[in-house]
Amino acid sequence: MRILRFDSVGGASGDMILGALVGLGVDPRYLEQELGKIIREPFHLRLGEKSAFGVSGVYLTVDIHDHECHDHGHTRESSFELVQKLEEKNFNHHENDHTSVHNQENSREHVHGRTYASIRSLIDSSSLNDVAKRDALAAFKALAIAEAEAHQVLFEDVHFHEVGAVDSIIDTVGCALALSLLNVDGISLSPLPVGEGTFSCAHGVYPLPAPATSILLRDYGLSVSYDVEQCEMLTPTAASLFAIWNKKEIPAGARVVASVNSFGTRNMKTRPNLLRATIFELDDTQERPADNCSYEVETIYELETNIDDVTGECLSSVASRLFKLGALDVWFEPIQMKKGRPACRLCALVKERDRASVIDAIFRHSGVLGVREISKRRYILNRCWKEVTTQWGTVRVKVGTTKTGEILSVSPEYDDVESLAFGNDVTFERVYREALVLFYTKN
């Protein structure tokens, strides 16, 4: 197992992440070759060296046309805002099909916007490997949804300014491709500095982090830290990549196999503007998931806390809230605390995306002072619903299958069975058994 750890000291942007991945060994010429199949504009990736505050590292710049030493990661304007400025000048922003855009004259290339839909089509039809394509599409969609919410438009209609779109494709698709080439199983993140203060855009003065970045941080539960630097330290592009990449905890016994510092453009007052990337590797002799098993594998988190000073009604209310926030399961275990006090342990299983909201709800509604967390691997069956029609009515049946489609679990839905049994004055078991018989007769 290989896990890539990002430690953000001076923030993060798309080009800083790309620089880190190249610094870890990804060939920038190969990235240029593959990205060149998608992007028509000439560009060049240049990896140099930089140092600040006594620390050295790599520094990646992207040259596009005559834009030298370009650092898209620390621009002040979102894709939506750039398009709004052009619209104020009465430019036409209809979507261009990427297969025919070569015929447009150069003077128009810098005033047309690309919608999220056109970029999605561009990536979908590319020859990228499946992992890179999946992650690039997920990152662009996450960013488009955040921009759409921030500016109250449909996410399919979010525009990326032509030059900005090239940068976004290079950074986002380049990072997705580079990560797939490093063969890591997931990433780990330090709290992300976001900076403080405000920035100006077409709509006025906004607080940091930028609206789209703030929405991504909220929706994906990314941890942040606030710092004295009066600037944007985390860009929407970086936030979208960190949001969608699979998260893994670094297990005990893992060893460091590679590390690099990647610098951004900005010169900061209190720290180097760098992002450190470190690859941790778990020896093959240590426990790892079965590579070719017939079940889906995912990482989940078990949250737990001890409670001895709330009523049963309160505990029931907390459980209901956690389920509504996405908890996979919630239960209570009887325990005995110090001085012989009877108490209970609240436990909840959650996915990565729901960790932050569930932890917050436990603190707010149970009165505890601490919550423990354990990362666990879970093997699961694929699940789907079938319907059968009994003599009393329709019953949904939950079916669990392996990757190959073998049925291993069949369970009539409790609520459906209970409702029909009660409404027709028959036993629960009779309805349940008939639903099972009907399912197996048809399958």
Protein backbone atom coordinates (compact mmCIF):
# COMPACT_ATOMS: atom_id res chain seq x y z
CA MET A 1 0.00 0.00 0.00
CA ARG A 2 1.28 3.46 -0.95
CA ILE A 3 -0.17 6.65 0.54
CA LEU A 4 0.69 10.18 -0.56
CA ARG A 5 0.77 12.69 2.29
CA PHE A 6 0.36 16.41 1.60
CA ASP A 7 1.60 18.81 4.30
CA SER A 8 0.51 22.34 3.48
CA VAL A 9 2.77 25.04 4.92
CA GLY A 10 2.10 27.93 2.56
CA GLY A 11 -1.19 26.75 1.10
CA ALA A 12 -1.87 24.83 -2.09
CA SER A 13 -2.72 25.52 -5.73
CA GLY A 14 -3.07 23.35 -8.81
CA ASP A 15 0.44 24.08 -10.05
CA MET A 16 1.96 23.45 -6.61
CA ILE A 17 0.30 20.02 -6.49
CA LEU A 18 1.43 19.27 -10.05
CA GLY A 19 4.96 20.40 -9.18
CA ALA A 20 5.00 18.05 -6.19
CA LEU A 21 3.86 15.08 -8.29
CA VAL A 22 6.49 15.82 -10.95
CA GLY A 23 9.07 16.25 -8.21
CA LEU A 24 8.21 12.77 -6.95
CA GLY A 25 9.21 11.26 -10.27
CA VAL A 26 6.47 11.76 -12.86
CA ASP A 27 8.01 12.65 -16.23
CA PRO A 28 6.87 16.17 -17.25
CA ARG A 29 7.52 15.37 -20.93
CA TYR A 30 5.09 12.47 -20.75
CA LEU A 31 2.50 14.76 -19.14
CA GLU A 32 3.02 17.30 -21.95
CA GLN A 33 2.59 14.57 -24.53
CA GLU A 34 -0.67 13.26 -23.04
CA LEU A 35 -2.12 16.69 -22.24
CA GLY A 36 -1.17 17.84 -25.74
CA LYS A 37 -3.72 15.38 -27.11
CA ILE A 38 -6.43 17.36 -25.28
CA ILE A 39 -5.18 20.94 -25.35
CA ARG A 40 -4.64 22.62 -28.73
CA GLU A 41 -2.64 25.59 -27.38
CA PRO A 42 1.16 25.16 -27.25
CA PHE A 43 2.37 24.92 -23.66
CA HIS A 44 5.43 23.81 -21.75
CA LEU A 45 5.97 22.50 -18.22
CA ARG A 46 9.19 23.78 -16.67
CA LEU A 47 10.50 22.36 -13.41
CA GLY A 48 13.09 24.44 -11.61
CA GLU A 49 14.45 24.91 -8.12
CA LYS A 50 13.54 27.47 -5.50
CA SER A 51 14.31 28.18 -1.86
CA ALA A 52 12.82 30.37 0.88
CA PHE A 53 13.19 30.59 4.65
CA GLY A 54 16.12 28.18 4.45
CA VAL A 55 14.12 25.43 2.72
CA SER A 56 14.70 24.24 -0.86
CA GLY A 57 12.41 22.50 -3.29
CA VAL A 58 10.99 22.40 -6.80
CA TYR A 59 9.04 25.08 -8.61
CA LEU A 60 6.84 24.26 -11.61
CA THR A 61 5.76 26.89 -14.11
CA VAL A 62 3.39 26.50 -17.04
CA ASP A 63 4.16 28.48 -20.20
CA ILE A 64 1.14 29.03 -22.45
CA HIS A 65 1.70 31.05 -25.64
CA ASP A 66 3.34 34.25 -24.46
CA HIS A 67 2.34 33.81 -20.81
CA GLU A 68 5.66 33.04 -19.16
CA CYS A 69 6.13 31.78 -15.63
CA HIS A 70 2.40 31.45 -15.35
CA ASP A 71 1.04 30.45 -11.94
CA HIS A 72 -2.68 29.88 -12.28
CA GLY A 73 -2.93 28.66 -8.73
CA HIS A 74 -2.81 32.08 -7.12
CA THR A 75 -5.05 34.16 -9.37
CA ARG A 76 -7.73 36.20 -7.69
CA GLU A 77 -10.59 35.50 -10.09
CA SER A 78 -12.73 32.41 -10.42
CA SER A 79 -13.76 31.06 -13.81
CA PHE A 80 -17.26 32.43 -13.30
CA GLU A 81 -15.99 35.92 -12.49
CA LEU A 82 -13.72 36.02 -15.55
CA VAL A 83 -16.66 35.27 -17.80
CA GLN A 84 -18.79 37.91 -16.09
CA LYS A 85 -16.15 40.53 -16.88
CA LEU A 86 -16.18 39.56 -20.51
CA GLU A 87 -19.96 39.65 -20.63
CA GLU A 88 -19.87 43.21 -19.35
CA LYS A 89 -17.89 44.05 -22.51
CA ASN A 90 -20.67 42.45 -24.62
CA PHE A 91 -18.58 39.50 -25.78
CA ASN A 92 -20.42 36.43 -26.96
CA HIS A 93 -19.95 33.41 -24.63
CA HIS A 94 -21.67 30.56 -26.41
CA GLU A 95 -20.03 27.17 -26.00
CA ASN A 96 -17.54 26.02 -28.67
CA ASP A 97 -17.34 22.38 -29.66
CA HIS A 98 -13.76 21.27 -29.01
CA THR A 99 -13.56 19.42 -32.33
CA SER A 100 -14.24 22.51 -34.44
CA VAL A 101 -12.63 25.23 -32.34
CA HIS A 102 -9.39 24.96 -34.36
CA ASN A 103 -11.13 26.91 -37.11
CA GLN A 104 -11.78 29.98 -34.96
CA GLU A 105 -9.53 32.96 -35.47
CA ASN A 106 -6.98 33.70 -32.74
CA SER A 107 -8.55 37.01 -31.76
CA ARG A 108 -11.70 35.21 -30.65
CA GLU A 109 -9.97 32.43 -28.69
CA HIS A 110 -9.39 34.63 -25.69
CA VAL A 111 -12.95 35.89 -25.33
CA HIS A 112 -14.93 32.67 -25.56
CA GLY A 113 -15.78 30.63 -22.49
CA ARG A 114 -15.78 26.88 -22.10
CA THR A 115 -18.63 25.49 -20.11
CA TYR A 116 -18.22 22.65 -17.67
CA ALA A 117 -20.19 20.50 -20.12
CA SER A 118 -17.69 21.13 -22.95
CA ILE A 119 -14.71 20.35 -20.70
CA ARG A 120 -16.43 17.16 -19.57
CA SER A 121 -16.91 16.15 -23.20
CA LEU A 122 -13.27 16.95 -23.91
CA ILE A 123 -12.03 14.69 -21.10
CA ASP A 124 -14.59 11.95 -21.78
CA SER A 125 -13.43 11.58 -25.38
CA SER A 126 -9.71 11.64 -24.49
CA SER A 127 -7.32 8.68 -24.41
CA LEU A 128 -6.39 9.19 -20.74
CA ASN A 129 -6.25 6.12 -18.56
CA ASP A 130 -9.46 5.33 -16.68
CA VAL A 131 -8.24 6.49 -13.26
CA ALA A 132 -6.97 9.83 -14.55
CA LYS A 133 -10.16 10.40 -16.53
CA ARG A 134 -12.35 9.56 -13.52
CA ASP A 135 -10.49 11.88 -11.15
CA ALA A 136 -10.28 14.77 -13.64
CA LEU A 137 -14.02 14.59 -14.33
CA ALA A 138 -14.81 14.37 -10.60
CA ALA A 139 -12.63 17.40 -9.78
CA PHE A 140 -14.13 19.57 -12.53
CA LYS A 141 -17.65 18.55 -11.51
CA ALA A 142 -16.98 19.32 -7.83
CA LEU A 143 -15.59 22.74 -8.76
CA ALA A 144 -18.45 23.49 -11.18
CA ILE A 145 -21.05 22.58 -8.55
CA ALA A 146 -19.32 24.82 -5.99
CA GLU A 147 -19.08 27.74 -8.44
CA ALA A 148 -22.72 27.25 -9.40
CA GLU A 149 -23.88 27.38 -5.78
CA ALA A 150 -21.72 30.41 -5.05
CA HIS A 151 -23.13 32.36 -8.01
CA GLN A 152 -26.63 30.87 -8.27
CA VAL A 153 -26.37 29.34 -11.73
CA LEU A 154 -26.75 25.79 -13.10
CA PHE A 155 -23.48 23.89 -12.72
CA GLU A 156 -23.70 22.67 -16.33
CA ASP A 157 -23.57 26.34 -17.41
CA VAL A 158 -20.54 27.38 -15.36
CA HIS A 159 -17.97 28.87 -17.75
CA PHE A 160 -14.20 28.68 -17.70
CA HIS A 161 -12.54 31.62 -19.45
CA GLU A 162 -10.53 30.40 -22.48
CA VAL A 163 -7.08 31.05 -21.00
CA GLY A 164 -8.30 30.03 -17.55
CA ALA A 165 -9.77 26.86 -19.02
CA VAL A 166 -6.38 25.88 -20.46
CA ASP A 167 -4.78 26.40 -17.06
CA SER A 168 -7.52 24.44 -15.33
CA ILE A 169 -7.16 21.54 -17.75
CA ILE A 170 -3.39 21.45 -17.38
CA ASP A 171 -3.53 21.62 -13.58
CA THR A 172 -6.56 19.41 -12.97
CA VAL A 173 -6.05 16.79 -15.68
CA GLY A 174 -2.27 16.91 -15.22
CA CYS A 175 -2.58 16.24 -11.49
CA ALA A 176 -5.11 13.44 -12.05
CA LEU A 177 -2.83 11.79 -14.61
CA ALA A 178 0.33 12.26 -12.52
CA LEU A 179 -1.26 10.77 -9.41
CA SER A 180 -2.42 7.73 -11.37
CA LEU A 181 1.17 7.19 -12.55
CA LEU A 182 2.49 7.19 -8.97
CA ASN A 183 0.30 4.16 -8.17
CA VAL A 184 -0.82 5.38 -4.76
CA ASP A 185 -3.84 3.93 -2.97
CA GLY A 186 -4.96 7.26 -1.54
CA ILE A 187 -3.87 10.57 -0.04
CA SER A 188 -3.57 11.98 3.46
CA LEU A 189 -3.94 15.69 4.21
CA SER A 190 -2.71 18.04 6.89
CA PRO A 191 -5.05 20.90 7.86
CA LEU A 192 -5.08 23.30 4.91
CA PRO A 193 -4.12 26.98 5.48
CA VAL A 194 -6.64 29.22 3.75
CA GLY A 195 -5.28 32.67 4.60
CA GLU A 196 -7.30 35.56 5.94
CA GLY A 197 -8.58 38.90 4.75
CA THR A 198 -10.51 39.75 1.60
CA PHE A 199 -10.07 39.80 -2.15
CA SER A 200 -11.73 41.85 -4.88
CA CYS A 201 -13.62 40.41 -7.84
CA ALA A 202 -16.24 41.47 -10.38
CA HIS A 203 -19.00 41.14 -7.78
CA GLY A 204 -17.30 43.17 -5.06
CA VAL A 205 -15.14 42.35 -2.06
CA TYR A 206 -15.31 38.79 -0.73
CA PRO A 207 -13.77 37.23 2.40
CA LEU A 208 -11.21 34.45 2.15
CA PRO A 209 -11.38 31.61 1.45
CA ALA A 210 -13.07 32.27 -1.91
CA PRO A 211 -16.75 31.22 -2.15
CA ALA A 212 -16.14 28.09 -4.24
CA THR A 213 -13.25 27.03 -2.02
CA SER A 214 -15.36 27.50 1.09
CA ILE A 215 -18.15 25.36 -0.36
CA LEU A 216 -15.71 22.57 -1.26
CA LEU A 217 -14.23 22.64 2.24
CA ARG A 218 -17.73 22.37 3.70
CA ASP A 219 -19.08 19.66 1.42
CA TYR A 220 -16.05 17.38 1.62
CA GLY A 221 -15.15 17.91 5.27
CA LEU A 222 -11.58 19.11 4.66
CA SER A 223 -9.76 20.39 7.76
CA VAL A 224 -8.43 23.94 7.63
CA SER A 225 -6.18 26.26 9.62
CA TYR A 226 -6.39 30.04 9.69
CA ASP A 227 -3.16 31.96 9.43
CA VAL A 228 -1.90 35.52 9.61
CA GLU A 229 -1.00 35.68 5.92
CA GLN A 230 -3.27 38.24 4.25
CA CYS A 231 -3.70 36.37 0.98
CA GLU A 232 -5.45 33.45 -0.68
CA MET A 233 -3.50 30.36 0.32
CA LEU A 234 -5.85 27.63 -0.92
CA THR A 235 -7.28 27.90 -4.43
CA PRO A 236 -10.49 26.30 -5.75
CA THR A 237 -8.50 24.05 -8.10
CA ALA A 238 -6.43 22.62 -5.24
CA ALA A 239 -9.49 22.27 -3.02
CA SER A 240 -11.37 20.35 -5.75
CA LEU A 241 -8.50 17.88 -6.21
CA PHE A 242 -8.02 17.31 -2.50
CA ALA A 243 -11.80 16.92 -2.14
CA ILE A 244 -12.29 14.09 -4.63
CA TRP A 245 -9.11 12.06 -4.13
CA ASN A 246 -9.49 8.92 -2.02
CA LYS A 247 -8.37 9.50 1.58
CA LYS A 248 -6.27 7.00 3.52
CA GLU A 249 -4.81 7.04 7.01
CA ILE A 250 -1.07 6.35 7.23
CA PRO A 251 -0.79 3.01 9.07
CA ALA A 252 1.70 2.24 11.79
CA GLY A 253 4.87 0.75 10.37
CA ALA A 254 4.72 2.62 7.07
CA ARG A 255 8.06 3.93 5.80
CA VAL A 256 8.94 7.06 3.81
CA VAL A 257 10.10 6.26 0.26
CA ALA A 258 10.12 9.75 -1.32
CA SER A 259 9.52 13.38 -0.35
CA VAL A 260 9.59 16.75 -2.10
CA ASN A 261 8.83 20.41 -1.36
CA SER A 262 6.85 22.21 -4.07
CA PHE A 263 6.87 26.02 -4.11
CA GLY A 264 4.27 28.50 -5.32
CA THR A 265 4.86 31.97 -6.74
CA ARG A 266 3.92 34.15 -3.79
CA ASN A 267 6.53 35.44 -1.33
CA MET A 268 4.97 35.20 2.12
CA LYS A 269 5.85 37.12 5.25
CA THR A 270 5.91 34.39 7.88
CA ARG A 271 6.60 31.12 6.05
CA PRO A 272 7.76 29.56 2.80
CA ASN A 273 5.03 29.21 0.19
CA LEU A 274 5.44 25.46 -0.11
CA LEU A 275 3.50 22.22 -0.19
CA ARG A 276 5.36 19.10 0.95
CA ALA A 277 4.45 15.75 -0.60
CA THR A 278 5.64 12.48 0.94
CA ILE A 279 5.02 8.92 -0.22
CA PHE A 280 4.57 6.36 2.56
CA GLU A 281 4.70 2.67 1.78
CA LEU A 282 3.41 -0.27 3.78
CA ASP A 283 5.47 -3.44 3.44
CA ASP A 284 3.84 -6.30 1.52
CA THR A 285 4.28 -8.53 4.55
CA GLN A 286 1.84 -6.38 6.53
CA GLU A 287 -1.91 -6.69 6.36
CA ARG A 288 -3.53 -5.45 3.15
CA PRO A 289 -6.88 -6.07 1.44
CA ALA A 290 -7.36 -9.13 -0.71
CA ASP A 291 -6.39 -7.98 -4.22
CA ASN A 292 -8.75 -10.17 -6.22
CA CYS A 293 -11.66 -10.68 -3.86
CA SER A 294 -15.22 -10.68 -5.14
CA TYR A 295 -16.37 -7.84 -2.90
CA GLU A 296 -16.12 -4.08 -2.96
CA VAL A 297 -13.55 -2.62 -0.53
CA GLU A 298 -13.78 0.81 1.12
CA THR A 299 -12.37 2.71 4.08
CA ILE A 300 -14.83 3.81 6.75
CA TYR A 301 -14.43 5.39 10.17
CA GLU A 302 -15.78 4.29 13.53
CA LEU A 303 -16.46 7.20 15.86
CA GLU A 304 -17.01 6.56 19.55
CA THR A 305 -17.43 8.43 22.81
CA ASN A 306 -18.40 7.53 26.42
CA ILE A 307 -21.54 9.15 27.85
CA ASP A 308 -22.81 8.99 31.46
CA ASP A 309 -24.83 12.17 32.00
CA VAL A 310 -27.70 12.29 29.49
CA THR A 311 -31.13 10.68 29.35
CA GLY A 312 -32.24 7.84 27.11
CA GLU A 313 -34.45 10.25 25.18
CA CYS A 314 -31.41 12.42 24.44
CA LEU A 315 -29.41 9.43 23.23
CA SER A 316 -32.25 8.41 20.91
CA SER A 317 -32.38 11.93 19.50
CA VAL A 318 -28.61 11.96 18.89
CA ALA A 319 -28.83 8.64 17.03
CA SER A 320 -31.59 9.98 14.78
CA ARG A 321 -29.55 13.07 13.93
CA LEU A 322 -26.47 11.00 13.05
CA PHE A 323 -28.46 8.77 10.71
CA LYS A 324 -29.86 11.86 8.96
CA LEU A 325 -26.31 13.17 8.50
CA GLY A 326 -25.26 10.02 6.66
CA ALA A 327 -24.05 7.64 9.40
CA LEU A 328 -24.04 4.07 8.11
CA ASP A 329 -24.91 2.70 11.56
CA VAL A 330 -25.30 4.00 15.10
CA TRP A 331 -25.43 1.92 18.29
CA PHE A 332 -24.91 2.07 22.06
CA GLU A 333 -22.85 -0.28 24.24
CA PRO A 334 -23.27 -0.54 28.03
CA ILE A 335 -20.04 0.26 29.91
CA GLN A 336 -18.93 1.04 33.45
CA MET A 337 -16.92 4.20 34.06
CA LYS A 338 -14.84 5.34 37.02
CA LYS A 339 -16.32 5.11 40.49
CA GLY A 340 -18.62 2.37 39.24
CA ARG A 341 -20.91 4.69 37.26
CA PRO A 342 -23.06 2.92 34.67
CA ALA A 343 -22.76 4.58 31.25
CA CYS A 344 -22.88 3.82 27.55
CA ARG A 345 -20.57 4.09 24.58
CA LEU A 346 -22.00 5.85 21.53
CA CYS A 347 -20.61 4.36 18.30
CA ALA A 348 -21.17 5.45 14.70
CA LEU A 349 -19.86 4.22 11.35
CA VAL A 350 -19.34 6.95 8.75
CA LYS A 351 -17.79 7.49 5.34
CA GLU A 352 -15.08 10.07 4.72
CA ARG A 353 -17.47 12.69 3.34
CA ASP A 354 -19.67 12.56 6.47
CA ARG A 355 -16.96 12.52 9.17
CA ALA A 356 -16.91 16.24 9.92
CA SER A 357 -20.69 16.73 10.12
CA VAL A 358 -21.24 13.63 12.29
CA ILE A 359 -18.45 14.58 14.70
CA ASP A 360 -19.89 18.09 14.96
CA ALA A 361 -23.35 16.71 15.73
CA ILE A 362 -21.98 14.42 18.47
CA PHE A 363 -20.34 17.39 20.18
CA ARG A 364 -23.37 19.66 19.81
CA HIS A 365 -26.08 17.26 20.92
CA SER A 366 -24.51 14.84 23.40
CA GLY A 367 -22.48 17.18 25.59
CA VAL A 368 -19.29 15.07 25.39
CA LEU A 369 -15.81 16.60 25.50
CA GLY A 370 -14.07 14.22 23.11
CA VAL A 371 -14.67 11.82 20.21
CA ARG A 372 -12.35 8.96 19.24
CA GLU A 373 -11.86 7.79 15.66
CA ILE A 374 -10.64 4.51 14.17
CA SER A 375 -10.05 3.92 10.45
CA LYS A 376 -11.33 0.53 9.27
CA ARG A 377 -11.40 -1.43 6.02
CA ARG A 378 -14.85 -2.72 5.01
CA TYR A 379 -15.71 -5.40 2.47
CA ILE A 380 -19.23 -4.99 1.11
CA LEU A 381 -21.60 -6.64 -1.32
CA ASN A 382 -23.06 -4.69 -4.20
CA ARG A 383 -26.65 -3.80 -3.33
CA CYS A 384 -29.79 -3.33 -5.35
CA TRP A 385 -33.56 -3.40 -4.86
CA LYS A 386 -36.06 -5.76 -6.47
CA GLU A 387 -39.85 -5.80 -6.09
CA VAL A 388 -42.18 -8.77 -5.68
CA THR A 389 -45.97 -8.69 -5.62
CA THR A 390 -47.53 -10.79 -2.85
CA GLN A 391 -51.25 -11.47 -2.50
CA TRP A 392 -51.39 -8.52 -0.10
CA GLY A 393 -49.30 -6.02 -2.04
CA THR A 394 -45.78 -5.08 -3.21
CA VAL A 395 -42.68 -5.75 -1.12
CA ARG A 396 -39.23 -4.37 -1.87
CA VAL A 397 -36.38 -6.86 -1.50
CA LYS A 398 -32.78 -5.84 -0.81
CA VAL A 399 -30.32 -8.02 -2.75
CA GLY A 400 -26.58 -8.31 -2.07
CA THR A 401 -24.31 -9.61 -4.85
CA THR A 402 -20.61 -10.15 -5.51
CA LYS A 403 -18.78 -8.33 -8.29
CA THR A 404 -19.60 -11.24 -10.58
CA GLY A 405 -23.33 -10.98 -9.85
CA GLU A 406 -23.64 -13.98 -7.51
CA ILE A 407 -26.53 -13.44 -5.06
CA LEU A 408 -25.43 -13.95 -1.45
CA SER A 409 -27.99 -11.98 0.54
CA VAL A 410 -31.77 -11.49 0.15
CA SER A 411 -33.85 -9.52 2.64
CA PRO A 412 -37.48 -8.30 2.27
CA GLU A 413 -37.80 -4.70 3.47
CA TYR A 414 -39.06 -4.62 7.05
CA ASP A 415 -41.29 -1.55 6.67
CA ASP A 416 -43.06 -3.00 3.62
CA VAL A 417 -43.67 -6.36 5.29
CA GLU A 418 -44.90 -4.82 8.53
CA SER A 419 -47.27 -2.44 6.72
CA LEU A 420 -48.87 -5.23 4.68
CA ALA A 421 -49.09 -7.58 7.66
CA PHE A 422 -50.76 -4.94 9.81
CA GLY A 423 -53.09 -3.71 7.08
CA ASN A 424 -54.30 -7.20 6.16
CA ASP A 425 -54.36 -8.68 9.68
CA VAL A 426 -51.87 -11.44 8.90
CA THR A 427 -48.61 -12.35 10.59
CA PHE A 428 -45.34 -10.65 9.75
CA GLU A 429 -43.70 -14.03 9.11
CA ARG A 430 -46.33 -15.04 6.54
CA VAL A 431 -45.80 -11.95 4.39
CA TYR A 432 -42.02 -12.20 4.81
CA ARG A 433 -41.89 -15.88 3.73
CA GLU A 434 -44.11 -15.31 0.70
CA ALA A 435 -41.91 -12.42 -0.44
CA LEU A 436 -38.83 -14.65 -0.23
CA VAL A 437 -40.51 -17.51 -2.12
CA LEU A 438 -41.63 -15.14 -4.89
CA PHE A 439 -38.14 -13.64 -5.21
CA TYR A 440 -36.38 -16.99 -5.50
CA THR A 441 -39.04 -18.27 -7.93
CA LYS A 442 -38.25 -15.41 -10.30
CA ASN A 443 -34.49 -15.40 -9.73
